[in-house]
């Protein structure tokens, strides 16, 4: 085990950190790329450890996820500050209107920032529960290059299919829904779609955006909700598993994980900065095509 641990180089940690930070936000699956890239580059020390029930690679990924979440927090810190201010504002209103007013999102006096925070909380619940129960099992079962390639193809189908359905089902005269009017039920559905991202190759942001579009959000609002929703999910998943990194599995890789996390944070920050501008005028088509091409190529390579 010590030889395997020692073979995780700083170069590998930097590359994996950059890939994690970029592909977690770009709708092309960070976990899928985290499985495929080491296999394509011949990093057999990482490939062998990916599907083990207890491995240093999974501990290493914990650090990368925490770094990615921190990059998102740095970008959205003003938004999160506003959301929590809205919470305390609404809490103050509930003293006169009653505690039940916190649950009635249709009230005219509801604070819009509190409402959005509430939607993010309920949207996080499904993937949080399923992730706690099944994430480790699914990662061990499906973190193989061929599996990841197949799911990356599926990711491309989801993105392109979502685009086609949106064009066919949405009348030209129908107005988009914004986050201020997004229904709690639809927020829950968007959050639940992230469960698919537990399979290596399916993008968390991709399925969230596609589902948001199906609920009449425009690209900009669907992307913002997906990125805000990803922050607590990624952060909590990382924090809950930090004991793995600081336990025996982290022996020999903690500094590499720290360096990888720094690069993941920087990559995530610039990725979300780019994508928030991209989705003001552009669509998911390039990411769907990329997923299909790379996925099919990798199926051929590892099949």
C-alpha atoms as a PDB file:
ATOM      1  CA  UNK A   1       0.000   0.000   0.000  1.00  0.00           C
ATOM      2  CA  UNK A   2       2.793   2.451   0.815  1.00  0.00           C
ATOM      3  CA  UNK A   3       4.290   2.019  -2.672  1.00  0.00           C
ATOM      4  CA  UNK A   4       0.918   2.800  -4.256  1.00  0.00           C
ATOM      5  CA  UNK A   5       0.451   5.838  -2.042  1.00  0.00           C
ATOM      6  CA  UNK A   6       3.903   7.185  -2.836  1.00  0.00           C
ATOM      7  CA  UNK A   7       3.240   6.913  -6.561  1.00  0.00           C
ATOM      8  CA  UNK A   8       0.703   9.737  -6.497  1.00  0.00           C
ATOM      9  CA  UNK A   9       2.835  12.575  -7.797  1.00  0.00           C
ATOM     10  CA  UNK A  10       2.320  16.301  -7.486  1.00  0.00           C
ATOM     11  CA  UNK A  11       2.037  16.527 -11.265  1.00  0.00           C
ATOM     12  CA  UNK A  12      -0.824  14.035 -11.178  1.00  0.00           C
ATOM     13  CA  UNK A  13      -2.533  15.911  -8.342  1.00  0.00           C
ATOM     14  CA  UNK A  14      -2.296  19.223 -10.235  1.00  0.00           C
ATOM     15  CA  UNK A  15      -3.687  17.741 -13.445  1.00  0.00           C
ATOM     16  CA  UNK A  16      -6.499  15.971 -11.597  1.00  0.00           C
ATOM     17  CA  UNK A  17      -7.281  19.141  -9.637  1.00  0.00           C
ATOM     18  CA  UNK A  18      -7.557  21.223 -12.794  1.00  0.00           C
ATOM     19  CA  UNK A  19      -9.710  18.595 -14.487  1.00  0.00           C
ATOM     20  CA  UNK A  20     -11.961  18.305 -11.428  1.00  0.00           C
ATOM     21  CA  UNK A  21     -12.459  22.065 -11.133  1.00  0.00           C
ATOM     22  CA  UNK A  22     -13.295  22.481 -14.808  1.00  0.00           C
ATOM     23  CA  UNK A  23     -15.438  19.407 -15.445  1.00  0.00           C
ATOM     24  CA  UNK A  24     -17.466  19.737 -12.236  1.00  0.00           C
ATOM     25  CA  UNK A  25     -18.966  22.949 -13.632  1.00  0.00           C
ATOM     26  CA  UNK A  26     -18.785  22.290 -17.360  1.00  0.00           C
ATOM     27  CA  UNK A  27     -21.615  19.781 -17.973  1.00  0.00           C
ATOM     28  CA  UNK A  28     -19.304  16.931 -18.979  1.00  0.00           C
ATOM     29  CA  UNK A  29     -18.904  15.024 -15.669  1.00  0.00           C
ATOM     30  CA  UNK A  30     -15.967  15.489 -13.329  1.00  0.00           C
ATOM     31  CA  UNK A  31     -16.155  11.930 -11.995  1.00  0.00           C
ATOM     32  CA  UNK A  32     -16.276  10.529 -15.514  1.00  0.00           C
ATOM     33  CA  UNK A  33     -13.155  12.467 -16.498  1.00  0.00           C
ATOM     34  CA  UNK A  34     -11.543  11.549 -13.191  1.00  0.00           C
ATOM     35  CA  UNK A  35     -11.914   7.895 -14.181  1.00  0.00           C
ATOM     36  CA  UNK A  36     -11.090   8.169 -17.884  1.00  0.00           C
ATOM     37  CA  UNK A  37      -8.115  10.533 -17.817  1.00  0.00           C
ATOM     38  CA  UNK A  38      -5.815   8.341 -15.662  1.00  0.00           C
ATOM     39  CA  UNK A  39      -6.606   5.358 -17.880  1.00  0.00           C
ATOM     40  CA  UNK A  40      -5.874   7.338 -21.048  1.00  0.00           C
ATOM     41  CA  UNK A  41      -2.611   8.678 -19.624  1.00  0.00           C
ATOM     42  CA  UNK A  42      -1.487   5.281 -18.369  1.00  0.00           C
ATOM     43  CA  UNK A  43      -1.543   6.259 -14.702  1.00  0.00           C
ATOM     44  CA  UNK A  44      -2.068   2.677 -13.572  1.00  0.00           C
ATOM     45  CA  UNK A  45      -1.561   3.517  -9.901  1.00  0.00           C
ATOM     46  CA  UNK A  46      -4.751   5.599 -10.014  1.00  0.00           C
ATOM     47  CA  UNK A  47      -6.684   3.237 -12.275  1.00  0.00           C
ATOM     48  CA  UNK A  48      -6.095   0.258  -9.972  1.00  0.00           C
ATOM     49  CA  UNK A  49      -7.262   2.175  -6.917  1.00  0.00           C
ATOM     50  CA  UNK A  50     -10.444   3.642  -8.407  1.00  0.00           C
ATOM     51  CA  UNK A  51     -12.732   0.652  -7.943  1.00  0.00           C
ATOM     52  CA  UNK A  52     -11.352  -0.527  -4.602  1.00  0.00           C
ATOM     53  CA  UNK A  53     -13.788  -0.267  -1.714  1.00  0.00           C
ATOM     54  CA  UNK A  54     -11.161   1.546   0.354  1.00  0.00           C
ATOM     55  CA  UNK A  55      -8.477   3.410  -1.583  1.00  0.00           C
ATOM     56  CA  UNK A  56      -6.257   6.464  -1.431  1.00  0.00           C
ATOM     57  CA  UNK A  57      -7.817   7.687  -4.704  1.00  0.00           C
ATOM     58  CA  UNK A  58     -11.240   8.127  -3.112  1.00  0.00           C
ATOM     59  CA  UNK A  59      -9.615   9.979  -0.215  1.00  0.00           C
ATOM     60  CA  UNK A  60      -7.782  12.169  -2.726  1.00  0.00           C
ATOM     61  CA  UNK A  61     -11.066  13.008  -4.467  1.00  0.00           C
ATOM     62  CA  UNK A  62     -12.405  14.291  -1.150  1.00  0.00           C
ATOM     63  CA  UNK A  63      -9.798  17.029  -1.177  1.00  0.00           C
ATOM     64  CA  UNK A  64     -10.567  17.918  -4.789  1.00  0.00           C
ATOM     65  CA  UNK A  65     -14.295  18.204  -4.051  1.00  0.00           C
ATOM     66  CA  UNK A  66     -13.711  20.492  -1.096  1.00  0.00           C
ATOM     67  CA  UNK A  67     -11.446  22.653  -3.250  1.00  0.00           C
ATOM     68  CA  UNK A  68     -14.086  22.852  -5.986  1.00  0.00           C
ATOM     69  CA  UNK A  69     -16.738  23.895  -3.474  1.00  0.00           C
ATOM     70  CA  UNK A  70     -14.465  26.611  -2.079  1.00  0.00           C
ATOM     71  CA  UNK A  71     -13.943  27.979  -5.590  1.00  0.00           C
ATOM     72  CA  UNK A  72     -17.717  28.187  -6.010  1.00  0.00           C
ATOM     73  CA  UNK A  73     -18.119  29.881  -2.639  1.00  0.00           C
ATOM     74  CA  UNK A  74     -15.518  32.511  -3.535  1.00  0.00           C
ATOM     75  CA  UNK A  75     -17.363  33.289  -6.776  1.00  0.00           C
ATOM     76  CA  UNK A  76     -20.824  33.326  -5.214  1.00  0.00           C
ATOM     77  CA  UNK A  77     -19.944  34.769  -1.792  1.00  0.00           C
ATOM     78  CA  UNK A  78     -22.056  37.885  -2.315  1.00  0.00           C
ATOM     79  CA  UNK A  79     -25.006  35.753  -3.383  1.00  0.00           C
ATOM     80  CA  UNK A  80     -24.704  33.455  -0.364  1.00  0.00           C
ATOM     81  CA  UNK A  81     -24.355  36.453   1.949  1.00  0.00           C
ATOM     82  CA  UNK A  82     -27.525  37.898   0.450  1.00  0.00           C
ATOM     83  CA  UNK A  83     -29.329  34.563   0.846  1.00  0.00           C
ATOM     84  CA  UNK A  84     -28.492  34.315   4.538  1.00  0.00           C
ATOM     85  CA  UNK A  85     -29.419  37.958   5.081  1.00  0.00           C
ATOM     86  CA  UNK A  86     -32.772  37.115   3.536  1.00  0.00           C
ATOM     87  CA  UNK A  87     -33.124  34.233   5.972  1.00  0.00           C
ATOM     88  CA  UNK A  88     -32.678  36.484   9.000  1.00  0.00           C
ATOM     89  CA  UNK A  89     -34.947  39.114   7.470  1.00  0.00           C
ATOM     90  CA  UNK A  90     -37.698  36.554   7.011  1.00  0.00           C
ATOM     91  CA  UNK A  91     -37.045  35.179  10.482  1.00  0.00           C
ATOM     92  CA  UNK A  92     -37.696  38.645  11.848  1.00  0.00           C
ATOM     93  CA  UNK A  93     -40.958  38.880   9.917  1.00  0.00           C
ATOM     94  CA  UNK A  94     -42.078  35.515  11.298  1.00  0.00           C
ATOM     95  CA  UNK A  95     -42.128  36.960  14.817  1.00  0.00           C
ATOM     96  CA  UNK A  96     -45.228  38.918  13.891  1.00  0.00           C
ATOM     97  CA  UNK A  97     -46.631  36.709  11.130  1.00  0.00           C
ATOM     98  CA  UNK A  98     -45.999  33.399  12.933  1.00  0.00           C
ATOM     99  CA  UNK A  99     -43.479  30.627  12.368  1.00  0.00           C
ATOM    100  CA  UNK A 100     -45.762  29.031   9.779  1.00  0.00           C
ATOM    101  CA  UNK A 101     -45.025  31.977   7.489  1.00  0.00           C
ATOM    102  CA  UNK A 102     -41.537  30.514   6.927  1.00  0.00           C
ATOM    103  CA  UNK A 103     -43.115  27.651   4.975  1.00  0.00           C
ATOM    104  CA  UNK A 104     -45.584  29.701   2.920  1.00  0.00           C
ATOM    105  CA  UNK A 105     -43.488  30.748  -0.054  1.00  0.00           C
ATOM    106  CA  UNK A 106     -46.489  32.228  -1.867  1.00  0.00           C
ATOM    107  CA  UNK A 107     -46.984  34.944   0.762  1.00  0.00           C
ATOM    108  CA  UNK A 108     -46.623  38.446  -0.751  1.00  0.00           C
ATOM    109  CA  UNK A 109     -44.268  39.511   2.051  1.00  0.00           C
ATOM    110  CA  UNK A 110     -41.838  36.618   1.567  1.00  0.00           C
ATOM    111  CA  UNK A 111     -38.249  37.748   1.145  1.00  0.00           C
ATOM    112  CA  UNK A 112     -37.070  36.654  -2.351  1.00  0.00           C
ATOM    113  CA  UNK A 113     -33.583  35.765  -1.103  1.00  0.00           C
ATOM    114  CA  UNK A 114     -35.027  33.653   1.693  1.00  0.00           C
ATOM    115  CA  UNK A 115     -37.302  31.981  -0.842  1.00  0.00           C
ATOM    116  CA  UNK A 116     -34.345  31.035  -3.043  1.00  0.00           C
ATOM    117  CA  UNK A 117     -32.410  29.715  -0.046  1.00  0.00           C
ATOM    118  CA  UNK A 118     -35.424  27.613   0.933  1.00  0.00           C
ATOM    119  CA  UNK A 119     -35.617  26.176  -2.597  1.00  0.00           C
ATOM    120  CA  UNK A 120     -31.913  25.298  -2.517  1.00  0.00           C
ATOM    121  CA  UNK A 121     -32.323  23.517   0.810  1.00  0.00           C
ATOM    122  CA  UNK A 122     -35.228  21.343  -0.282  1.00  0.00           C
ATOM    123  CA  UNK A 123     -33.534  20.629  -3.631  1.00  0.00           C
ATOM    124  CA  UNK A 124     -30.458  19.342  -1.790  1.00  0.00           C
ATOM    125  CA  UNK A 125     -32.354  16.801   0.315  1.00  0.00           C
ATOM    126  CA  UNK A 126     -32.969  14.008  -2.265  1.00  0.00           C
ATOM    127  CA  UNK A 127     -29.404  13.762  -3.576  1.00  0.00           C
ATOM    128  CA  UNK A 128     -28.091  14.133  -0.038  1.00  0.00           C
ATOM    129  CA  UNK A 129     -30.074  11.136   1.214  1.00  0.00           C
ATOM    130  CA  UNK A 130     -29.376   8.934  -1.795  1.00  0.00           C
ATOM    131  CA  UNK A 131     -25.722   9.963  -1.796  1.00  0.00           C
ATOM    132  CA  UNK A 132     -25.273   8.944   1.832  1.00  0.00           C
ATOM    133  CA  UNK A 133     -26.859   5.554   1.151  1.00  0.00           C
ATOM    134  CA  UNK A 134     -25.491   4.643  -2.272  1.00  0.00           C
ATOM    135  CA  UNK A 135     -22.665   6.940  -3.362  1.00  0.00           C
ATOM    136  CA  UNK A 136     -19.831   4.739  -2.129  1.00  0.00           C
ATOM    137  CA  UNK A 137     -21.361   1.552  -3.546  1.00  0.00           C
ATOM    138  CA  UNK A 138     -22.015   3.113  -6.949  1.00  0.00           C
ATOM    139  CA  UNK A 139     -18.548   4.606  -7.114  1.00  0.00           C
ATOM    140  CA  UNK A 140     -16.922   1.253  -6.375  1.00  0.00           C
ATOM    141  CA  UNK A 141     -19.139  -0.573  -8.900  1.00  0.00           C
ATOM    142  CA  UNK A 142     -18.949   1.877 -11.798  1.00  0.00           C
ATOM    143  CA  UNK A 143     -15.617   3.679 -11.547  1.00  0.00           C
ATOM    144  CA  UNK A 144     -14.143   1.698 -14.411  1.00  0.00           C
ATOM    145  CA  UNK A 145     -13.082   3.314 -17.702  1.00  0.00           C
ATOM    146  CA  UNK A 146     -15.582   1.440 -19.881  1.00  0.00           C
ATOM    147  CA  UNK A 147     -18.474   2.188 -17.508  1.00  0.00           C
ATOM    148  CA  UNK A 148     -17.516   5.863 -17.337  1.00  0.00           C
ATOM    149  CA  UNK A 149     -17.301   6.027 -21.151  1.00  0.00           C
ATOM    150  CA  UNK A 150     -20.782   4.531 -21.529  1.00  0.00           C
ATOM    151  CA  UNK A 151     -22.259   6.943 -19.000  1.00  0.00           C
ATOM    152  CA  UNK A 152     -20.473   9.855 -20.705  1.00  0.00           C
ATOM    153  CA  UNK A 153     -22.281   8.874 -23.907  1.00  0.00           C
ATOM    154  CA  UNK A 154     -25.515   8.848 -21.903  1.00  0.00           C
ATOM    155  CA  UNK A 155     -24.638  12.322 -20.640  1.00  0.00           C
ATOM    156  CA  UNK A 156     -24.363  13.521 -24.227  1.00  0.00           C
ATOM    157  CA  UNK A 157     -27.756  12.023 -25.028  1.00  0.00           C
ATOM    158  CA  UNK A 158     -29.284  13.759 -21.993  1.00  0.00           C
ATOM    159  CA  UNK A 159     -27.865  17.157 -22.963  1.00  0.00           C
ATOM    160  CA  UNK A 160     -28.779  16.922 -26.657  1.00  0.00           C
ATOM    161  CA  UNK A 161     -32.136  15.313 -25.898  1.00  0.00           C
ATOM    162  CA  UNK A 162     -32.914  18.077 -23.431  1.00  0.00           C
ATOM    163  CA  UNK A 163     -32.154  20.686 -26.076  1.00  0.00           C
ATOM    164  CA  UNK A 164     -34.374  18.983 -28.649  1.00  0.00           C
ATOM    165  CA  UNK A 165     -37.274  18.554 -26.230  1.00  0.00           C
ATOM    166  CA  UNK A 166     -36.999  22.176 -25.147  1.00  0.00           C
ATOM    167  CA  UNK A 167     -37.259  23.395 -28.727  1.00  0.00           C
ATOM    168  CA  UNK A 168     -40.240  21.184 -29.511  1.00  0.00           C
ATOM    169  CA  UNK A 169     -42.236  21.578 -26.301  1.00  0.00           C
ATOM    170  CA  UNK A 170     -41.879  25.272 -25.539  1.00  0.00           C
ATOM    171  CA  UNK A 171     -44.208  27.610 -27.465  1.00  0.00           C
ATOM    172  CA  UNK A 172     -42.507  30.744 -28.773  1.00  0.00           C
ATOM    173  CA  UNK A 173     -44.924  33.006 -26.877  1.00  0.00           C
ATOM    174  CA  UNK A 174     -44.453  31.304 -23.501  1.00  0.00           C
ATOM    175  CA  UNK A 175     -42.383  33.301 -21.024  1.00  0.00           C
ATOM    176  CA  UNK A 176     -39.562  31.742 -19.035  1.00  0.00           C
ATOM    177  CA  UNK A 177     -39.838  31.229 -15.313  1.00  0.00           C
ATOM    178  CA  UNK A 178     -37.251  33.003 -13.185  1.00  0.00           C
ATOM    179  CA  UNK A 179     -35.866  31.896  -9.816  1.00  0.00           C
ATOM    180  CA  UNK A 180     -38.249  34.225  -7.953  1.00  0.00           C
ATOM    181  CA  UNK A 181     -41.226  32.246  -9.248  1.00  0.00           C
ATOM    182  CA  UNK A 182     -39.760  28.741  -9.412  1.00  0.00           C
ATOM    183  CA  UNK A 183     -42.118  26.364  -7.628  1.00  0.00           C
ATOM    184  CA  UNK A 184     -40.834  24.295  -4.678  1.00  0.00           C
ATOM    185  CA  UNK A 185     -41.986  21.098  -6.402  1.00  0.00           C
ATOM    186  CA  UNK A 186     -39.929  21.939  -9.473  1.00  0.00           C
ATOM    187  CA  UNK A 187     -36.905  22.843  -7.340  1.00  0.00           C
ATOM    188  CA  UNK A 188     -37.213  19.410  -5.712  1.00  0.00           C
ATOM    189  CA  UNK A 189     -37.342  17.759  -9.135  1.00  0.00           C
ATOM    190  CA  UNK A 190     -34.241  19.651 -10.283  1.00  0.00           C
ATOM    191  CA  UNK A 191     -32.410  18.637  -7.123  1.00  0.00           C
ATOM    192  CA  UNK A 192     -33.489  15.013  -7.509  1.00  0.00           C
ATOM    193  CA  UNK A 193     -32.060  14.898 -11.020  1.00  0.00           C
ATOM    194  CA  UNK A 194     -28.582  15.209  -9.509  1.00  0.00           C
ATOM    195  CA  UNK A 195     -28.902  11.630  -8.271  1.00  0.00           C
ATOM    196  CA  UNK A 196     -27.965  10.561 -11.808  1.00  0.00           C
ATOM    197  CA  UNK A 197     -24.568  12.206 -11.299  1.00  0.00           C
ATOM    198  CA  UNK A 198     -23.667   9.471  -8.807  1.00  0.00           C
ATOM    199  CA  UNK A 199     -22.839   7.450 -11.928  1.00  0.00           C
ATOM    200  CA  UNK A 200     -19.381   8.325 -13.261  1.00  0.00           C
ATOM    201  CA  UNK A 201     -19.948  10.025 -16.613  1.00  0.00           C
ATOM    202  CA  UNK A 202     -23.235  11.805 -15.852  1.00  0.00           C
ATOM    203  CA  UNK A 203     -22.764  15.516 -15.172  1.00  0.00           C
ATOM    204  CA  UNK A 204     -24.285  17.037 -12.046  1.00  0.00           C
ATOM    205  CA  UNK A 205     -24.557  20.495 -13.582  1.00  0.00           C
ATOM    206  CA  UNK A 206     -25.711  19.052 -16.903  1.00  0.00           C
ATOM    207  CA  UNK A 207     -28.708  17.117 -15.599  1.00  0.00           C
ATOM    208  CA  UNK A 208     -29.625  20.031 -13.310  1.00  0.00           C
ATOM    209  CA  UNK A 209     -29.603  22.515 -16.180  1.00  0.00           C
ATOM    210  CA  UNK A 210     -31.566  20.202 -18.492  1.00  0.00           C
ATOM    211  CA  UNK A 211     -34.172  19.614 -15.790  1.00  0.00           C
ATOM    212  CA  UNK A 212     -34.322  23.337 -15.061  1.00  0.00           C
ATOM    213  CA  UNK A 213     -34.916  24.047 -18.739  1.00  0.00           C
ATOM    214  CA  UNK A 214     -37.739  21.483 -18.734  1.00  0.00           C
ATOM    215  CA  UNK A 215     -39.347  23.502 -15.920  1.00  0.00           C
ATOM    216  CA  UNK A 216     -39.278  26.630 -18.094  1.00  0.00           C
ATOM    217  CA  UNK A 217     -36.190  28.265 -16.579  1.00  0.00           C
ATOM    218  CA  UNK A 218     -34.043  30.004 -19.171  1.00  0.00           C
ATOM    219  CA  UNK A 219     -30.399  28.982 -19.614  1.00  0.00           C
ATOM    220  CA  UNK A 220     -29.024  31.700 -17.347  1.00  0.00           C
ATOM    221  CA  UNK A 221     -31.364  30.944 -14.440  1.00  0.00           C
ATOM    222  CA  UNK A 222     -31.080  27.178 -14.890  1.00  0.00           C
ATOM    223  CA  UNK A 223     -27.284  27.419 -14.794  1.00  0.00           C
ATOM    224  CA  UNK A 224     -27.256  29.728 -11.758  1.00  0.00           C
ATOM    225  CA  UNK A 225     -29.568  27.440  -9.813  1.00  0.00           C
ATOM    226  CA  UNK A 226     -27.460  24.410 -10.802  1.00  0.00           C
ATOM    227  CA  UNK A 227     -24.213  26.056  -9.689  1.00  0.00           C
ATOM    228  CA  UNK A 228     -25.662  27.332  -6.415  1.00  0.00           C
ATOM    229  CA  UNK A 229     -27.175  23.899  -5.790  1.00  0.00           C
ATOM    230  CA  UNK A 230     -23.859  22.194  -6.495  1.00  0.00           C
ATOM    231  CA  UNK A 231     -22.044  24.191  -3.816  1.00  0.00           C
ATOM    232  CA  UNK A 232     -23.593  22.641  -0.668  1.00  0.00           C
ATOM    233  CA  UNK A 233     -23.833  19.196  -2.276  1.00  0.00           C
ATOM    234  CA  UNK A 234     -20.142  19.083  -3.203  1.00  0.00           C
ATOM    235  CA  UNK A 235     -19.000  20.733   0.033  1.00  0.00           C
ATOM    236  CA  UNK A 236     -21.018  18.475   2.319  1.00  0.00           C
ATOM    237  CA  UNK A 237     -19.965  15.359   0.393  1.00  0.00           C
ATOM    238  CA  UNK A 238     -16.338  16.392   0.838  1.00  0.00           C
ATOM    239  CA  UNK A 239     -16.566  17.453   4.472  1.00  0.00           C
ATOM    240  CA  UNK A 240     -18.386  14.268   5.515  1.00  0.00           C
ATOM    241  CA  UNK A 241     -15.556  12.200   4.060  1.00  0.00           C
ATOM    242  CA  UNK A 242     -12.661  14.298   5.312  1.00  0.00           C
ATOM    243  CA  UNK A 243     -11.930  11.637   7.968  1.00  0.00           C
ATOM    244  CA  UNK A 244     -10.888   9.376   5.075  1.00  0.00           C
ATOM    245  CA  UNK A 245      -8.281  11.898   4.004  1.00  0.00           C
ATOM    246  CA  UNK A 246      -6.993  12.421   7.536  1.00  0.00           C
ATOM    247  CA  UNK A 247      -7.118   8.721   8.356  1.00  0.00           C
ATOM    248  CA  UNK A 248      -4.932   5.842   7.140  1.00  0.00           C
ATOM    249  CA  UNK A 249      -6.139   6.207   3.540  1.00  0.00           C
ATOM    250  CA  UNK A 250      -4.638   9.667   3.412  1.00  0.00           C
ATOM    251  CA  UNK A 251      -1.152   8.588   4.432  1.00  0.00           C
ATOM    252  CA  UNK A 252       1.328   9.808   1.854  1.00  0.00           C
ATOM    253  CA  UNK A 253      -1.135  11.881  -0.199  1.00  0.00           C
ATOM    254  CA  UNK A 254      -2.310  14.699   2.083  1.00  0.00           C
ATOM    255  CA  UNK A 255       0.002  17.339   0.626  1.00  0.00           C
ATOM    256  CA  UNK A 256      -0.814  16.148  -2.897  1.00  0.00           C
ATOM    257  CA  UNK A 257      -4.520  16.417  -2.045  1.00  0.00           C
ATOM    258  CA  UNK A 258      -3.985  19.934  -0.682  1.00  0.00           C
ATOM    259  CA  UNK A 259      -2.173  21.024  -3.836  1.00  0.00           C
ATOM    260  CA  UNK A 260      -4.815  19.387  -6.028  1.00  0.00           C
ATOM    261  CA  UNK A 261      -7.563  21.112  -4.031  1.00  0.00           C
ATOM    262  CA  UNK A 262      -5.946  24.523  -4.590  1.00  0.00           C
ATOM    263  CA  UNK A 263      -5.847  23.979  -8.342  1.00  0.00           C
ATOM    264  CA  UNK A 264      -9.413  22.623  -8.294  1.00  0.00           C
ATOM    265  CA  UNK A 265     -10.574  25.774  -6.470  1.00  0.00           C
ATOM    266  CA  UNK A 266      -8.917  28.087  -8.993  1.00  0.00           C
ATOM    267  CA  UNK A 267     -10.223  26.063 -11.949  1.00  0.00           C
ATOM    268  CA  UNK A 268     -13.756  25.999 -10.496  1.00  0.00           C
ATOM    269  CA  UNK A 269     -13.729  29.773  -9.949  1.00  0.00           C
ATOM    270  CA  UNK A 270     -12.734  30.593 -13.517  1.00  0.00           C
ATOM    271  CA  UNK A 271     -15.003  27.878 -14.934  1.00  0.00           C
ATOM    272  CA  UNK A 272     -18.120  29.202 -13.252  1.00  0.00           C
ATOM    273  CA  UNK A 273     -17.105  32.743 -14.191  1.00  0.00           C
ATOM    274  CA  UNK A 274     -16.913  31.683 -17.830  1.00  0.00           C
ATOM    275  CA  UNK A 275     -20.089  29.606 -17.801  1.00  0.00           C
ATOM    276  CA  UNK A 276     -22.299  32.248 -16.187  1.00  0.00           C
ATOM    277  CA  UNK A 277     -21.466  34.443 -19.185  1.00  0.00           C
ATOM    278  CA  UNK A 278     -21.739  31.562 -21.666  1.00  0.00           C
ATOM    279  CA  UNK A 279     -25.304  30.686 -20.686  1.00  0.00           C
ATOM    280  CA  UNK A 280     -26.542  34.236 -21.129  1.00  0.00           C
ATOM    281  CA  UNK A 281     -26.447  33.711 -24.897  1.00  0.00           C
ATOM    282  CA  UNK A 282     -25.470  30.087 -25.622  1.00  0.00           C
ATOM    283  CA  UNK A 283     -26.741  26.550 -25.088  1.00  0.00           C
ATOM    284  CA  UNK A 284     -25.743  23.004 -24.093  1.00  0.00           C
ATOM    285  CA  UNK A 285     -25.146  21.771 -27.656  1.00  0.00           C
ATOM    286  CA  UNK A 286     -21.308  21.894 -27.633  1.00  0.00           C
ATOM    287  CA  UNK A 287     -21.129  19.993 -24.349  1.00  0.00           C
ATOM    288  CA  UNK A 288     -23.542  17.329 -25.567  1.00  0.00           C
ATOM    289  CA  UNK A 289     -21.564  16.811 -28.773  1.00  0.00           C
ATOM    290  CA  UNK A 290     -18.289  16.693 -26.810  1.00  0.00           C
ATOM    291  CA  UNK A 291     -19.690  14.085 -24.403  1.00  0.00           C
ATOM    292  CA  UNK A 292     -20.858  11.864 -27.241  1.00  0.00           C
ATOM    293  CA  UNK A 293     -17.628  12.082 -29.248  1.00  0.00           C
ATOM    294  CA  UNK A 294     -15.322  11.505 -26.269  1.00  0.00           C
ATOM    295  CA  UNK A 295     -17.625   8.866 -24.813  1.00  0.00           C
ATOM    296  CA  UNK A 296     -17.818   6.860 -28.037  1.00  0.00           C
ATOM    297  CA  UNK A 297     -14.057   7.147 -28.571  1.00  0.00           C
ATOM    298  CA  UNK A 298     -13.435   5.857 -25.049  1.00  0.00           C
ATOM    299  CA  UNK A 299     -15.920   3.007 -25.474  1.00  0.00           C
ATOM    300  CA  UNK A 300     -13.928   1.927 -28.522  1.00  0.00           C
ATOM    301  CA  UNK A 301     -10.663   2.378 -26.625  1.00  0.00           C
ATOM    302  CA  UNK A 302     -11.647   0.434 -23.493  1.00  0.00           C
ATOM    303  CA  UNK A 303     -14.276  -1.910 -24.937  1.00  0.00           C
END
